Amino acid sequence: MKRKIIEAAERYVQETLRGEGSGHDWWHIYRVNKLALTIAEKEGADPFVCSLAALLHDIADEKFNASEEAGLQKVSLCLTEHEVTNPEKQHVLEIISTMSFKGGNSTGMKTIEGMAVQDADRLDALGAIGIARTFAYSGFAGQMIYDPDIPVRNTMTKSEYRNGVSTAINHFYEKLLTLKDRMNTEHGKKLAESRHQQMVSYLDVFFSEWEGIR
């Protein structure tokens, strides 16, 4: 039964996010699900809850809905339709409603399943894939690659994070380089180390090229 529910969730997400161009497409979901299951195995989390939350988390994203509440309602209806038990349904909804970055204003995850899924989502924002996704999203949002006259924002409200003026390179400093120290699980922290360093090395090269040094 649980395998069929997971398969149905996979089909739903594939159909909903097919061709999505901001870096939050099906393949992002695919990777987050794989990472969440890996972390769940290492940390002793419930793989079913982790997988459902990982698969459905961007269905509720505010970028794709009129509001966060409207997005969560979509997830709730999907879970009800496929007869997910109420405790599991509420657990998945709690994870999805609290896992996003929100400009650094998110609350801590309450369960090991939430920690695993949040770490998985954040890991996909790091490393080589994270770099690629950053520029994909910036192009999608109409942001510049870099402008030295646009300062890095050290603190932001949720609204400022969503709607303020920034650049692709600023995003590294405003969010991505902070994620390594925000990991919840030991395995998540381990995986984040090398991915973080890949971004640091990339930025060193970027600014060297920007200034014509290399």
Protein backbone atom coordinates (compact mmCIF):
# COMPACT_ATOMS: atom_id res chain seq x y z
CA MET A 1 0.00 0.00 0.00
CA LYS A 2 2.72 2.49 0.95
CA ARG A 3 4.67 1.73 -2.23
CA LYS A 4 1.57 2.54 -4.29
CA ILE A 5 1.10 5.82 -2.42
CA ILE A 6 4.70 6.80 -3.14
CA GLU A 7 4.33 5.89 -6.80
CA ALA A 8 1.14 7.96 -7.04
CA ALA A 9 2.90 10.93 -5.43
CA GLU A 10 5.77 10.59 -7.90
CA ARG A 11 3.36 10.64 -10.86
CA TYR A 12 1.51 13.65 -9.46
CA VAL A 13 4.70 15.65 -8.99
CA GLN A 14 6.06 14.69 -12.40
CA GLU A 15 2.87 15.88 -14.06
CA THR A 16 2.69 19.09 -11.99
CA LEU A 17 6.31 20.22 -12.26
CA ARG A 18 7.19 18.93 -15.72
CA GLY A 19 9.07 21.65 -17.64
CA GLU A 20 9.31 23.96 -14.62
CA GLY A 21 12.20 26.36 -15.25
CA SER A 22 13.22 27.82 -11.89
CA GLY A 23 15.30 24.88 -10.67
CA HIS A 24 12.36 23.41 -8.73
CA ASP A 25 11.47 20.85 -11.39
CA TRP A 26 10.83 17.11 -11.09
CA TRP A 27 14.53 16.30 -11.11
CA HIS A 28 15.08 18.54 -8.08
CA ILE A 29 12.34 16.54 -6.35
CA TYR A 30 13.94 13.28 -7.51
CA ARG A 31 17.29 14.26 -5.99
CA VAL A 32 15.79 15.53 -2.73
CA ASN A 33 13.84 12.29 -2.35
CA LYS A 34 16.97 10.20 -2.89
CA LEU A 35 18.92 12.30 -0.38
CA ALA A 36 16.09 12.21 2.15
CA LEU A 37 15.94 8.41 1.99
CA THR A 38 19.72 8.16 2.37
CA ILE A 39 19.66 10.41 5.43
CA ALA A 40 16.61 8.59 6.83
CA GLU A 41 18.49 5.29 6.66
CA LYS A 42 21.54 6.77 8.39
CA GLU A 43 19.54 8.58 11.08
CA GLY A 44 16.75 6.08 11.76
CA ALA A 45 13.89 8.18 10.37
CA ASP A 46 10.64 6.86 8.89
CA PRO A 47 11.35 6.47 5.15
CA PHE A 48 7.67 6.66 4.16
CA VAL A 49 7.07 10.03 5.82
CA CYS A 50 10.42 11.35 4.57
CA SER A 51 9.70 10.28 1.01
CA LEU A 52 6.19 11.74 0.94
CA ALA A 53 7.37 15.07 2.35
CA ALA A 54 10.32 15.21 -0.02
CA LEU A 55 8.18 14.40 -3.05
CA LEU A 56 5.42 16.88 -2.25
CA HIS A 57 7.29 19.78 -0.66
CA ASP A 58 7.41 22.04 -3.72
CA ILE A 59 3.75 21.41 -4.56
CA ALA A 60 3.07 23.75 -1.63
CA ASP A 61 5.72 26.33 -2.54
CA GLU A 62 4.43 29.91 -2.54
CA LYS A 63 6.11 30.49 -5.91
CA PHE A 64 3.58 28.17 -7.52
CA ASN A 65 0.46 29.03 -5.51
CA ALA A 66 -1.68 31.98 -4.53
CA SER A 67 -0.51 31.51 -0.94
CA GLU A 68 1.30 29.05 1.29
CA GLU A 69 -2.07 27.95 2.66
CA ALA A 70 -3.37 27.21 -0.84
CA GLY A 71 -0.30 25.12 -1.59
CA LEU A 72 -0.63 23.14 1.63
CA GLN A 73 -4.27 22.48 0.79
CA LYS A 74 -3.16 20.86 -2.47
CA VAL A 75 -0.83 18.57 -0.54
CA SER A 76 -3.54 17.78 2.01
CA LEU A 77 -6.00 16.81 -0.70
CA CYS A 78 -3.42 14.60 -2.39
CA LEU A 79 -2.66 12.78 0.86
CA THR A 80 -6.36 12.34 1.66
CA GLU A 81 -7.12 11.07 -1.83
CA HIS A 82 -4.52 8.34 -1.46
CA GLU A 83 -5.71 7.36 2.03
CA VAL A 84 -2.60 8.32 3.96
CA THR A 85 -3.35 7.87 7.67
CA ASN A 86 -4.17 11.08 9.53
CA PRO A 87 -1.08 10.98 11.80
CA GLU A 88 1.19 10.50 8.76
CA LYS A 89 -0.69 13.18 6.82
CA GLN A 90 -0.32 15.71 9.64
CA HIS A 91 3.36 14.84 10.01
CA VAL A 92 4.01 15.42 6.29
CA LEU A 93 2.11 18.72 6.34
CA GLU A 94 4.01 19.89 9.42
CA ILE A 95 7.33 19.13 7.72
CA ILE A 96 6.43 20.89 4.49
CA SER A 97 5.01 23.96 6.25
CA THR A 98 8.18 24.56 8.29
CA MET A 99 11.10 23.39 6.14
CA SER A 100 11.68 26.31 3.76
CA PHE A 101 14.43 28.88 4.32
CA LYS A 102 12.18 31.98 4.41
CA GLY A 103 15.07 34.41 4.43
CA GLY A 104 16.65 32.71 7.42
CA ASN A 105 13.45 33.10 9.45
CA SER A 106 12.34 29.47 9.45
CA THR A 107 11.68 27.64 12.72
CA GLY A 108 13.51 24.50 13.77
CA MET A 109 12.28 21.10 12.61
CA LYS A 110 10.46 19.14 15.28
CA THR A 111 11.13 15.55 14.18
CA ILE A 112 14.00 13.53 12.76
CA GLU A 113 11.93 13.06 9.59
CA GLY A 114 11.62 16.83 9.20
CA MET A 115 15.32 17.25 9.83
CA ALA A 116 16.16 14.65 7.18
CA VAL A 117 13.92 16.23 4.53
CA GLN A 118 15.07 19.77 5.26
CA ASP A 119 18.71 18.68 5.07
CA ALA A 120 18.05 16.91 1.77
CA ASP A 121 16.40 20.00 0.27
CA ARG A 122 19.24 22.22 1.45
CA LEU A 123 21.89 19.84 0.16
CA ASP A 124 20.40 20.18 -3.32
CA ALA A 125 21.01 23.93 -3.03
CA LEU A 126 24.73 23.30 -2.44
CA GLY A 127 27.66 22.07 -4.53
CA ALA A 128 27.77 21.80 -8.30
CA ILE A 129 24.01 21.31 -8.63
CA GLY A 130 23.36 24.18 -6.22
CA ILE A 131 25.48 26.49 -8.37
CA ALA A 132 23.57 25.46 -11.49
CA ARG A 133 20.22 25.91 -9.77
CA THR A 134 21.18 29.36 -8.51
CA PHE A 135 21.75 30.67 -12.01
CA ALA A 136 18.69 28.86 -13.37
CA TYR A 137 16.52 30.54 -10.74
CA SER A 138 18.11 33.96 -11.21
CA GLY A 139 17.42 33.80 -14.94
CA PHE A 140 13.85 32.69 -14.21
CA ALA A 141 13.40 35.62 -11.80
CA GLY A 142 15.04 38.17 -14.10
CA GLN A 143 17.96 38.82 -11.76
CA MET A 144 21.43 39.85 -12.87
CA ILE A 145 24.41 37.52 -12.48
CA TYR A 146 26.18 40.11 -10.35
CA ASP A 147 26.18 43.85 -9.72
CA PRO A 148 28.71 45.25 -7.22
CA ASP A 149 26.35 48.16 -6.56
CA ILE A 150 23.67 45.83 -5.15
CA PRO A 151 24.72 45.04 -1.57
CA VAL A 152 24.46 41.65 0.07
CA ARG A 153 21.58 41.59 2.55
CA ASN A 154 22.70 40.29 5.93
CA THR A 155 19.21 40.18 7.41
CA MET A 156 15.89 39.88 5.62
CA THR A 157 12.24 39.47 6.39
CA LYS A 158 10.46 36.65 4.60
CA SER A 159 8.91 39.20 2.23
CA GLU A 160 12.26 40.85 1.51
CA TYR A 161 13.79 37.47 0.76
CA ARG A 162 11.00 36.61 -1.67
CA ASN A 163 10.60 39.99 -3.36
CA GLY A 164 13.69 42.13 -2.75
CA VAL A 165 16.35 43.06 -5.30
CA SER A 166 19.34 40.72 -5.38
CA THR A 167 21.68 38.93 -7.79
CA ALA A 168 22.75 35.35 -8.40
CA ILE A 169 26.11 35.90 -6.71
CA ASN A 170 24.56 37.71 -3.75
CA HIS A 171 22.36 34.65 -3.21
CA PHE A 172 25.43 32.63 -2.28
CA TYR A 173 26.13 35.00 0.61
CA GLU A 174 22.51 35.63 1.58
CA LYS A 175 21.58 31.95 1.78
CA LEU A 176 23.74 29.21 0.30
CA LEU A 177 26.94 29.72 2.27
CA THR A 178 24.92 29.74 5.51
CA LEU A 179 23.35 26.33 4.93
CA LYS A 180 26.32 24.20 6.00
CA ASP A 181 25.94 25.45 9.57
CA ARG A 182 22.17 25.02 9.48
CA MET A 183 22.20 21.26 8.80
CA ASN A 184 20.30 19.17 11.33
CA THR A 185 21.62 15.63 11.01
CA GLU A 186 25.13 14.24 11.29
CA HIS A 187 24.94 12.74 7.81
CA GLY A 188 23.58 15.98 6.39
CA LYS A 189 26.46 17.90 7.96
CA LYS A 190 28.95 15.44 6.50
CA LEU A 191 27.56 15.75 2.97
CA ALA A 192 27.33 19.54 3.23
CA GLU A 193 31.04 20.02 3.92
CA SER A 194 32.34 19.14 0.44
CA ARG A 195 29.42 20.82 -1.33
CA HIS A 196 30.04 24.01 0.62
CA GLN A 197 33.72 23.98 -0.32
CA GLN A 198 32.84 23.57 -4.00
CA MET A 199 30.87 26.81 -3.83
CA VAL A 200 33.65 28.65 -2.01
CA SER A 201 36.12 27.56 -4.68
CA TYR A 202 33.72 28.61 -7.44
CA LEU A 203 33.31 32.09 -5.96
CA ASP A 204 37.10 32.51 -5.71
CA VAL A 205 37.37 31.78 -9.44
CA PHE A 206 34.37 33.97 -10.27
CA PHE A 207 35.79 37.07 -8.61
CA SER A 208 39.25 36.44 -10.07
CA GLU A 209 37.72 36.37 -13.53
CA TRP A 210 35.49 39.36 -12.72
CA GLU A 211 38.56 41.46 -11.95
CA GLY A 212 40.52 40.10 -14.94
CA ILE A 213 43.10 38.36 -12.76
CA ARG A 214 42.78 35.03 -14.55
